[in-house]
Amino acid sequence: MSSSILTRTLIAVALGTGVSSANAGDWTEFRGPTGQGLSDASGVPIAWSETENIAWTRAVPGSGWSSPVVTGDRVFLTTAVPYAEGEEKGHSLRVLCLDARTGATVWDVEAFDQPGGDSVEKHQKNGHASPTPLLEGGRLYVHFGPHGTACLQIDDGAIVWKNHEIEYAPNHGNGGSPAIADDKLVICCDGRDVQFVVGLDKQSGQNVWRTDRDVEVEKGFSFCTPLIIEVQGRRQAVCPGSGAVFAYDPQTGEEIWRVRYGEGFSVVPRPVAGGGLVFVCTGFGDGRLLAIDPDGTGDLTDSHVKWSLRRGAPKSPSLLYAGEALYFVDDKGIASCVDGHTGEVHWRERLGGNFSASPLLAAGNIYFQDENGTATVVRASTKFEELSRNTLAAEERTFASYAVHGHALLVRSEGHLYRIESPADR
């Protein structure tokens, strides 16, 4: 079986769980069209260096850890640019559109301004532009936590609407990206003061529903992105937070089910789904990976958790489900492959380095990227096979996750965006 056919087969397995898809070739949200880091692209390079397979490199103004999103030949990023007087005077929260083939700037628009002395303090591993934008139907949706959420036209960056009504106090900065379900944007808002999930009308930006998370936890802040799945014909927005993971009806905000996990907090990894299960990480404090049957209602803690593991469970990178196996890397560089049905370990290997970015599956291979820009590429297999290790020229931190465009990888570092592509495909 060719690598491209294998990858399409693996994606079909994931989509069998009811995870929504998008047009082929578009990378529309955090972790791509399925929200799970799966690409059906072929010919994506497995080897590169500062002189090999770099189509272009472009400096990105300001700072941000949002991942690129792509539609057609346009790439979109968010960034926080300090005002001329310096960071103490605040930031311009901006949206950039680049030509995917050349890296040239098409447009650059300010979405919001963050004044100096703002109460949102960022962690050294976070920033003011960490949530990844979302593309759909000629529009781009961007979220900057309590600084605002906006909708822009992709052709010229014109603002369609702005929402300033989502108020909470993030701890360490903003993180979770929006998800889309039919006509609703679903956003997790887990601050140090209040924790809730909100549904916005995607046409107008108006708040349609808000559901508070009613769990007692010492540390309520988290940074998660919802995953939209379908179970028995009903949509669910799976939204991990501190102390519990909840599934909501994305149209109404009604809680469908929950699974409690005690003292887990600062939850970052986006859930993945496959084989009839949803896989959730419980964050710092608890530090487990749970396999949950989402076909139920109410409190499923004691009835629907099929297995759990603690060793190697990520706290920052998301998981990857492919071919009935679950692949992941923890923050300290231990990569694992386990059976999705049972949690049995197929392999566990030390990659080295520290990790925040989420893994990618493309052309039958899995790409792991550490915080210094070193990528380890392994075969998507229950037997460990390392194919390559690759580094970028600039010694910059690299926390953003990959995007895919055609046969190319798009990689965002602390100060640059790279297009990694074979010369034959340019």
Protein backbone atom coordinates (compact mmCIF):
# COMPACT_ATOMS: atom_id res chain seq x y z
CA MET A 1 0.00 0.00 0.00
CA SER A 2 1.39 3.42 -0.96
CA SER A 3 1.97 6.01 1.75
CA SER A 4 -0.74 8.33 0.34
CA ILE A 5 -3.33 5.52 0.22
CA LEU A 6 -2.32 4.48 3.74
CA THR A 7 -2.81 8.01 5.06
CA ARG A 8 -6.22 8.35 3.38
CA THR A 9 -7.20 5.03 4.94
CA LEU A 10 -6.08 6.19 8.39
CA ILE A 11 -8.02 9.46 8.00
CA ALA A 12 -11.12 7.52 6.94
CA VAL A 13 -10.85 5.48 10.13
CA ALA A 14 -10.77 8.67 12.18
CA LEU A 15 -13.64 10.23 10.25
CA GLY A 16 -15.67 7.11 10.97
CA THR A 17 -16.09 8.45 14.49
CA GLY A 18 -18.13 11.37 13.18
CA VAL A 19 -15.37 13.97 13.24
CA SER A 20 -16.14 16.70 10.71
CA SER A 21 -13.94 17.22 7.64
CA ALA A 22 -13.29 20.03 5.12
CA ASN A 23 -12.28 20.54 1.52
CA ALA A 24 -9.24 18.55 0.47
CA GLY A 25 -6.09 20.65 0.48
CA ASP A 26 -7.28 23.22 3.00
CA TRP A 27 -5.79 23.36 6.49
CA THR A 28 -8.69 25.14 8.13
CA GLU A 29 -8.16 25.09 11.90
CA PHE A 30 -5.90 24.01 14.74
CA ARG A 31 -4.60 20.56 13.69
CA GLY A 32 -6.19 20.68 10.24
CA PRO A 33 -9.56 19.84 8.68
CA THR A 34 -10.34 16.99 11.09
CA GLY A 35 -8.95 18.86 14.12
CA GLN A 36 -6.79 15.81 14.79
CA GLY A 37 -3.50 16.42 12.95
CA LEU A 38 -4.32 14.23 9.94
CA SER A 39 -3.33 15.14 6.38
CA ASP A 40 -3.99 13.23 3.16
CA ALA A 41 -1.18 15.07 1.37
CA SER A 42 1.47 13.09 -0.49
CA GLY A 43 5.08 14.00 -1.14
CA VAL A 44 5.58 15.96 2.08
CA PRO A 45 9.35 16.05 2.76
CA ILE A 46 10.71 13.88 5.54
CA ALA A 47 14.14 15.54 5.43
CA TRP A 48 15.20 19.19 5.50
CA SER A 49 17.90 21.50 6.83
CA GLU A 50 18.87 25.18 6.59
CA THR A 51 19.85 24.54 2.94
CA GLU A 52 17.65 21.59 1.90
CA ASN A 53 13.95 21.67 0.98
CA ILE A 54 13.31 25.22 2.24
CA ALA A 55 11.08 26.91 -0.35
CA TRP A 56 10.99 30.22 1.54
CA THR A 57 11.37 31.79 4.96
CA ARG A 58 9.58 34.94 6.08
CA ALA A 59 10.01 36.98 9.24
CA VAL A 60 6.77 37.34 11.21
CA PRO A 61 6.33 40.60 13.13
CA GLY A 62 5.54 40.49 16.82
CA SER A 63 5.01 37.21 18.63
CA GLY A 64 2.44 34.43 18.77
CA TRP A 65 2.08 30.68 18.98
CA SER A 66 -1.00 30.31 16.80
CA SER A 67 -0.55 27.76 14.02
CA PRO A 68 -0.94 28.73 10.35
CA VAL A 69 -4.20 27.95 8.54
CA VAL A 70 -4.46 27.72 4.76
CA THR A 71 -7.09 27.89 2.04
CA GLY A 72 -6.27 28.04 -1.65
CA ASP A 73 -2.95 29.86 -1.95
CA ARG A 74 -3.30 31.98 1.18
CA VAL A 75 -1.87 31.45 4.64
CA PHE A 76 -3.27 33.17 7.74
CA LEU A 77 -1.60 33.87 11.08
CA THR A 78 -2.29 35.93 14.18
CA THR A 79 0.36 37.87 16.06
CA ALA A 80 0.79 40.42 18.85
CA VAL A 81 2.96 43.36 17.81
CA PRO A 82 4.24 45.68 20.59
CA TYR A 83 3.45 49.34 20.12
CA ALA A 84 6.40 51.56 19.19
CA GLU A 85 6.87 52.64 22.80
CA GLY A 86 7.44 49.02 23.89
CA GLU A 87 5.52 46.11 25.39
CA GLU A 88 4.60 48.08 28.51
CA LYS A 89 2.38 50.22 26.24
CA GLY A 90 0.51 47.17 24.97
CA HIS A 91 0.15 45.28 21.71
CA SER A 92 -1.61 45.49 18.40
CA LEU A 93 -3.38 42.13 17.96
CA ARG A 94 -3.11 41.51 14.24
CA VAL A 95 -4.12 39.09 11.50
CA LEU A 96 -1.72 38.42 8.62
CA CYS A 97 -2.47 36.98 5.19
CA LEU A 98 0.50 35.67 3.18
CA ASP A 99 0.87 34.24 -0.30
CA ALA A 100 1.40 30.52 0.29
CA ARG A 101 3.68 30.16 -2.75
CA THR A 102 6.01 33.08 -2.03
CA GLY A 103 5.48 34.14 1.59
CA ALA A 104 4.71 37.72 0.47
CA THR A 105 2.27 39.70 2.61
CA VAL A 106 -1.16 40.05 0.98
CA TRP A 107 -2.76 42.03 3.83
CA ASP A 108 -2.09 42.89 7.48
CA VAL A 109 -5.04 44.00 9.65
CA GLU A 110 -5.37 45.02 13.29
CA ALA A 111 -8.22 43.07 14.88
CA PHE A 112 -7.92 44.45 18.44
CA ASP A 113 -5.63 46.58 20.54
CA GLN A 114 -4.36 45.37 23.90
CA PRO A 115 -3.59 48.38 26.09
CA GLY A 116 -0.58 48.62 28.36
CA GLY A 117 -1.10 47.55 31.95
CA ASP A 118 -3.59 44.88 30.86
CA SER A 119 -4.38 42.28 33.52
CA VAL A 120 -3.63 39.32 31.21
CA GLU A 121 -0.11 38.26 32.08
CA LYS A 122 1.52 35.72 29.84
CA HIS A 123 3.63 32.73 30.77
CA GLN A 124 7.10 32.49 29.22
CA LYS A 125 5.75 29.66 27.03
CA ASN A 126 2.60 31.55 26.07
CA GLY A 127 1.66 34.86 24.45
CA HIS A 128 -1.19 37.14 23.49
CA ALA A 129 -1.79 35.42 20.12
CA SER A 130 -1.79 31.70 20.86
CA PRO A 131 -5.28 30.59 19.64
CA THR A 132 -5.24 29.38 16.04
CA PRO A 133 -7.66 31.01 13.54
CA LEU A 134 -10.45 29.06 11.85
CA LEU A 135 -11.43 29.17 8.16
CA GLU A 136 -14.84 28.48 6.66
CA GLY A 137 -16.82 29.76 3.68
CA GLY A 138 -14.65 32.73 2.74
CA ARG A 139 -14.39 33.91 6.33
CA LEU A 140 -11.66 33.78 8.95
CA TYR A 141 -12.54 33.60 12.64
CA VAL A 142 -9.91 34.78 15.15
CA HIS A 143 -9.96 34.65 18.94
CA PHE A 144 -7.77 36.54 21.39
CA GLY A 145 -9.39 35.45 24.65
CA PRO A 146 -11.05 38.33 26.57
CA HIS A 147 -9.42 40.84 24.19
CA GLY A 148 -12.02 39.85 21.61
CA THR A 149 -13.23 37.48 18.91
CA ALA A 150 -13.66 38.61 15.31
CA CYS A 151 -14.68 37.50 11.83
CA LEU A 152 -12.79 38.77 8.76
CA GLN A 153 -13.24 38.37 5.02
CA ILE A 154 -10.36 36.30 3.65
CA ASP A 155 -9.99 38.25 0.41
CA ASP A 156 -9.15 41.64 1.93
CA GLY A 157 -9.20 41.30 5.73
CA ALA A 158 -12.30 43.45 6.13
CA ILE A 159 -13.87 43.06 9.57
CA VAL A 160 -17.33 41.43 9.39
CA TRP A 161 -18.03 41.52 13.14
CA LYS A 162 -16.36 41.81 16.53
CA ASN A 163 -17.36 40.37 19.89
CA HIS A 164 -16.10 41.96 23.12
CA GLU A 165 -18.52 40.14 25.43
CA ILE A 166 -16.41 37.13 26.47
CA GLU A 167 -14.97 38.16 29.82
CA TYR A 168 -12.72 36.10 32.06
CA ALA A 169 -9.22 36.32 33.55
CA PRO A 170 -6.80 33.98 31.76
CA ASN A 171 -3.93 32.60 33.77
CA HIS A 172 -0.58 32.75 31.88
CA GLY A 173 -2.22 34.18 28.72
CA ASN A 174 -4.70 32.88 26.15
CA GLY A 175 -4.61 29.44 24.59
CA GLY A 176 -7.67 27.54 23.38
CA SER A 177 -8.76 27.91 19.75
CA PRO A 178 -12.37 28.07 18.52
CA ALA A 179 -14.15 25.11 16.93
CA ILE A 180 -17.08 25.28 14.52
CA ALA A 181 -20.25 23.20 14.50
CA ASP A 182 -22.79 24.13 11.83
CA ASP A 183 -23.70 27.76 12.57
CA LYS A 184 -21.97 28.00 15.96
CA LEU A 185 -18.45 28.83 17.13
CA VAL A 186 -17.67 26.95 20.35
CA ILE A 187 -14.97 28.38 22.63
CA CYS A 188 -13.62 27.17 25.98
CA CYS A 189 -13.09 30.06 28.42
CA ASP A 190 -11.33 28.74 31.50
CA GLY A 191 -9.81 31.51 33.57
CA ARG A 192 -8.48 31.73 37.07
CA ASP A 193 -11.72 33.44 38.10
CA VAL A 194 -14.54 31.80 36.10
CA GLN A 195 -14.79 28.78 33.81
CA PHE A 196 -17.39 28.38 31.08
CA VAL A 197 -17.94 27.40 27.45
CA VAL A 198 -19.66 29.75 25.03
CA GLY A 199 -21.43 29.34 21.69
CA LEU A 200 -21.42 32.26 19.22
CA ASP A 201 -23.54 32.74 16.13
CA LYS A 202 -20.93 32.59 13.35
CA GLN A 203 -22.89 35.01 11.13
CA SER A 204 -23.30 37.83 13.67
CA GLY A 205 -20.81 37.04 16.44
CA GLN A 206 -23.52 37.31 19.08
CA ASN A 207 -23.41 35.13 22.19
CA VAL A 208 -26.10 32.45 21.81
CA TRP A 209 -25.38 30.37 24.89
CA ARG A 210 -23.02 30.16 27.83
CA THR A 211 -22.65 27.11 30.08
CA ASP A 212 -20.70 27.37 33.32
CA ARG A 213 -18.48 24.50 34.40
CA ASP A 214 -19.85 23.47 37.79
CA VAL A 215 -16.86 21.61 39.24
CA GLU A 216 -14.97 22.50 42.40
CA VAL A 217 -11.25 22.80 41.63
CA GLU A 218 -8.44 24.71 43.27
CA LYS A 219 -6.98 25.80 39.93
CA GLY A 220 -9.66 26.39 37.32
CA PHE A 221 -7.59 27.70 34.43
CA SER A 222 -7.14 25.62 31.26
CA PHE A 223 -6.38 26.22 27.58
CA CYS A 224 -8.25 23.60 25.58
CA THR A 225 -9.81 23.53 22.10
CA PRO A 226 -13.14 21.69 21.63
CA LEU A 227 -13.43 18.68 19.33
CA ILE A 228 -16.72 18.33 17.45
CA ILE A 229 -17.87 14.72 17.02
CA GLU A 230 -21.11 12.96 16.17
CA VAL A 231 -22.50 10.11 18.27
CA GLN A 232 -25.72 8.30 17.32
CA GLY A 233 -26.61 11.14 14.97
CA ARG A 234 -26.12 13.87 17.59
CA ARG A 235 -23.33 16.44 17.54
CA GLN A 236 -21.15 16.79 20.62
CA ALA A 237 -18.60 19.44 21.50
CA VAL A 238 -16.04 17.67 23.68
CA CYS A 239 -14.48 20.31 25.93
CA PRO A 240 -11.87 19.32 28.53
CA GLY A 241 -11.27 21.72 31.41
CA SER A 242 -9.87 21.67 34.91
CA GLY A 243 -11.35 18.86 36.98
CA ALA A 244 -13.48 17.28 34.24
CA VAL A 245 -14.16 16.87 30.55
CA PHE A 246 -17.65 17.84 29.37
CA ALA A 247 -19.56 17.16 26.15
CA TYR A 248 -22.11 19.80 25.18
CA ASP A 249 -24.75 20.15 22.51
CA PRO A 250 -23.05 22.80 20.30
CA GLN A 251 -26.42 24.33 19.35
CA THR A 252 -27.73 24.91 22.86
CA GLY A 253 -24.87 24.44 25.32
CA GLU A 254 -26.79 21.67 27.08
CA GLU A 255 -24.46 19.27 28.88
CA ILE A 256 -24.62 15.75 27.43
CA TRP A 257 -22.06 14.00 29.61
CA ARG A 258 -19.06 14.54 31.83
CA VAL A 259 -16.10 12.57 33.16
CA ARG A 260 -14.44 13.84 36.33
CA TYR A 261 -10.69 13.63 36.98
CA GLY A 262 -10.12 15.33 40.28
CA GLU A 263 -7.25 17.78 40.46
CA GLY A 264 -6.28 17.99 36.79
CA PHE A 265 -5.74 21.60 35.73
CA SER A 266 -4.12 23.70 33.00
CA VAL A 267 -5.43 21.26 30.40
CA VAL A 268 -3.99 22.02 26.95
CA PRO A 269 -4.18 18.99 24.57
CA ARG A 270 -7.11 18.92 22.17
CA PRO A 271 -9.04 15.63 22.34
CA VAL A 272 -8.95 13.13 19.48
CA ALA A 273 -11.47 10.46 18.54
CA GLY A 274 -11.29 7.07 16.86
CA GLY A 275 -12.58 3.54 17.13
CA GLY A 276 -15.71 4.71 18.91
CA LEU A 277 -13.73 6.37 21.72
CA VAL A 278 -12.67 9.89 22.65
CA PHE A 279 -9.16 10.32 24.09
CA VAL A 280 -8.60 13.08 26.62
CA CYS A 281 -5.58 14.28 28.62
CA THR A 282 -6.27 15.52 32.15
CA GLY A 283 -3.52 18.15 32.42
CA PHE A 284 -1.19 19.04 35.23
CA GLY A 285 -1.86 17.74 38.72
CA ASP A 286 -3.68 14.59 37.55
CA GLY A 287 -1.61 13.82 34.44
CA ARG A 288 -3.49 10.92 32.84
CA LEU A 289 -4.74 9.92 29.41
CA LEU A 290 -8.35 8.65 29.36
CA ALA A 291 -10.16 6.59 26.72
CA ILE A 292 -13.87 7.42 26.99
CA ASP A 293 -16.93 5.92 25.30
CA PRO A 294 -18.96 9.06 24.42
CA ASP A 295 -22.22 7.17 23.88
CA GLY A 296 -23.94 8.06 27.13
CA THR A 297 -25.51 10.83 29.17
CA GLY A 298 -24.86 12.24 32.62
CA ASP A 299 -21.82 11.48 34.76
CA LEU A 300 -19.89 8.75 32.92
CA THR A 301 -16.86 8.69 35.25
CA ASP A 302 -17.52 5.23 36.65
CA SER A 303 -19.13 3.64 33.61
CA HIS A 304 -17.61 4.81 30.33
CA VAL A 305 -13.85 5.20 30.92
CA LYS A 306 -12.52 2.17 29.06
CA TRP A 307 -8.86 2.56 30.05
CA SER A 308 -6.39 5.10 31.32
CA LEU A 309 -2.64 5.48 31.57
CA ARG A 310 -0.34 7.86 33.35
CA ARG A 311 3.17 7.15 32.05
CA GLY A 312 3.96 9.32 29.03
CA ALA A 313 0.65 11.22 29.04
CA PRO A 314 1.20 14.66 27.44
CA LYS A 315 0.39 17.87 29.25
CA SER A 316 0.92 20.23 26.28
CA PRO A 317 1.02 18.35 22.92
CA SER A 318 -2.22 16.87 21.62
CA LEU A 319 -2.65 13.21 20.70
CA LEU A 320 -2.85 11.54 17.29
CA TYR A 321 -5.11 8.57 16.43
CA ALA A 322 -4.33 6.54 13.31
CA GLY A 323 -4.98 2.96 12.29
CA GLU A 324 -6.44 1.91 15.67
CA ALA A 325 -3.31 3.17 17.42
CA LEU A 326 -2.77 6.25 19.51
CA TYR A 327 0.51 8.17 19.10
CA PHE A 328 1.73 10.91 21.45
CA VAL A 329 4.77 12.57 22.94
CA ASP A 330 4.99 13.95 26.45
CA ASP A 331 6.45 17.33 27.34
CA LYS A 332 9.85 15.77 28.16
CA GLY A 333 10.27 14.01 24.82
CA ILE A 334 9.04 10.46 25.46
CA ALA A 335 7.05 9.28 22.44
CA SER A 336 4.58 6.41 22.70
CA CYS A 337 2.34 4.27 20.54
CA VAL A 338 -0.48 2.39 22.30
CA ASP A 339 -3.43 0.29 21.20
CA GLY A 340 -6.46 2.55 20.94
CA HIS A 341 -8.85 -0.11 22.20
CA THR A 342 -6.90 -1.33 25.23
CA GLY A 343 -4.08 1.13 26.00
CA GLU A 344 -1.51 -1.65 25.61
CA VAL A 345 1.89 -0.14 24.80
CA HIS A 346 3.31 -1.01 21.38
CA TRP A 347 6.44 1.10 21.80
CA ARG A 348 7.84 3.90 23.89
CA GLU A 349 10.98 5.78 22.81
CA ARG A 350 12.90 8.82 24.02
CA LEU A 351 13.15 11.45 21.28
CA GLY A 352 15.01 14.00 23.40
CA GLY A 353 14.17 17.66 23.87
CA ASN A 354 11.04 19.30 25.27
CA PHE A 355 7.73 19.35 23.37
CA SER A 356 4.72 21.65 23.12
CA ALA A 357 3.64 21.31 19.46
CA SER A 358 1.22 18.55 18.48
CA PRO A 359 2.19 15.70 16.12
CA LEU A 360 1.14 15.44 12.47
CA LEU A 361 0.35 12.44 10.27
CA ALA A 362 1.17 12.87 6.57
CA ALA A 363 1.95 10.30 3.87
CA GLY A 364 2.02 7.47 6.41
CA ASN A 365 4.58 9.21 8.61
CA ILE A 366 4.33 11.01 11.94
CA TYR A 367 6.10 14.33 12.52
CA PHE A 368 7.08 15.26 16.08
CA GLN A 369 8.49 18.78 16.59
CA ASP A 370 10.32 19.85 19.74
CA GLU A 371 10.53 23.34 21.24
CA ASN A 372 13.81 24.13 19.46
CA GLY A 373 12.57 23.29 15.97
CA THR A 374 13.99 19.77 15.72
CA ALA A 375 11.58 17.42 13.95
CA THR A 376 11.71 13.66 14.37
CA VAL A 377 9.87 11.75 11.65
CA VAL A 378 8.79 8.17 12.37
CA ARG A 379 6.76 5.59 10.52
CA ALA A 380 3.09 5.35 11.53
CA SER A 381 3.45 1.80 12.74
CA THR A 382 3.14 -0.32 15.85
CA LYS A 383 6.87 -0.96 15.46
CA PHE A 384 9.12 2.02 16.06
CA GLU A 385 11.05 3.18 12.98
CA GLU A 386 12.75 6.55 12.96
CA LEU A 387 13.11 7.97 9.45
CA SER A 388 14.88 11.30 10.00
CA ARG A 389 15.78 14.18 12.29
CA ASN A 390 15.71 17.72 10.96
CA THR A 391 16.60 21.15 12.31
CA LEU A 392 15.91 24.70 11.19
CA ALA A 393 18.62 27.29 10.71
CA ALA A 394 17.42 29.89 13.21
CA GLU A 395 17.82 29.00 16.88
CA GLU A 396 14.29 30.02 17.82
CA ARG A 397 11.69 28.47 20.05
CA THR A 398 9.08 26.47 18.16
CA PHE A 399 5.78 25.81 19.97
CA ALA A 400 3.25 26.15 17.12
CA SER A 401 1.94 23.00 15.43
CA TYR A 402 2.40 22.15 11.75
CA ALA A 403 0.16 23.08 8.86
CA VAL A 404 0.15 21.38 5.44
CA HIS A 405 -0.30 23.01 2.02
CA GLY A 406 -0.03 20.85 -1.08
CA HIS A 407 3.20 18.86 -0.70
CA ALA A 408 4.65 21.33 1.81
CA LEU A 409 4.91 21.77 5.57
CA LEU A 410 4.38 25.20 7.09
CA VAL A 411 6.34 25.67 10.31
CA ARG A 412 6.08 28.70 12.56
CA SER A 413 8.98 29.51 14.87
CA GLU A 414 9.31 32.37 17.33
CA GLY A 415 10.13 34.87 14.60
CA HIS A 416 9.63 33.19 11.23
CA LEU A 417 7.37 31.12 9.02
CA TYR A 418 8.96 28.40 6.89
CA ARG A 419 7.66 26.59 3.84
CA ILE A 420 9.35 23.17 3.66
CA GLU A 421 8.94 21.64 0.21
CA SER A 422 10.88 19.67 -2.37
CA PRO A 423 12.15 21.78 -5.31
CA ALA A 424 10.28 19.47 -7.69
CA ASP A 425 6.93 20.48 -6.15
CA ARG A 426 7.40 24.28 -6.21
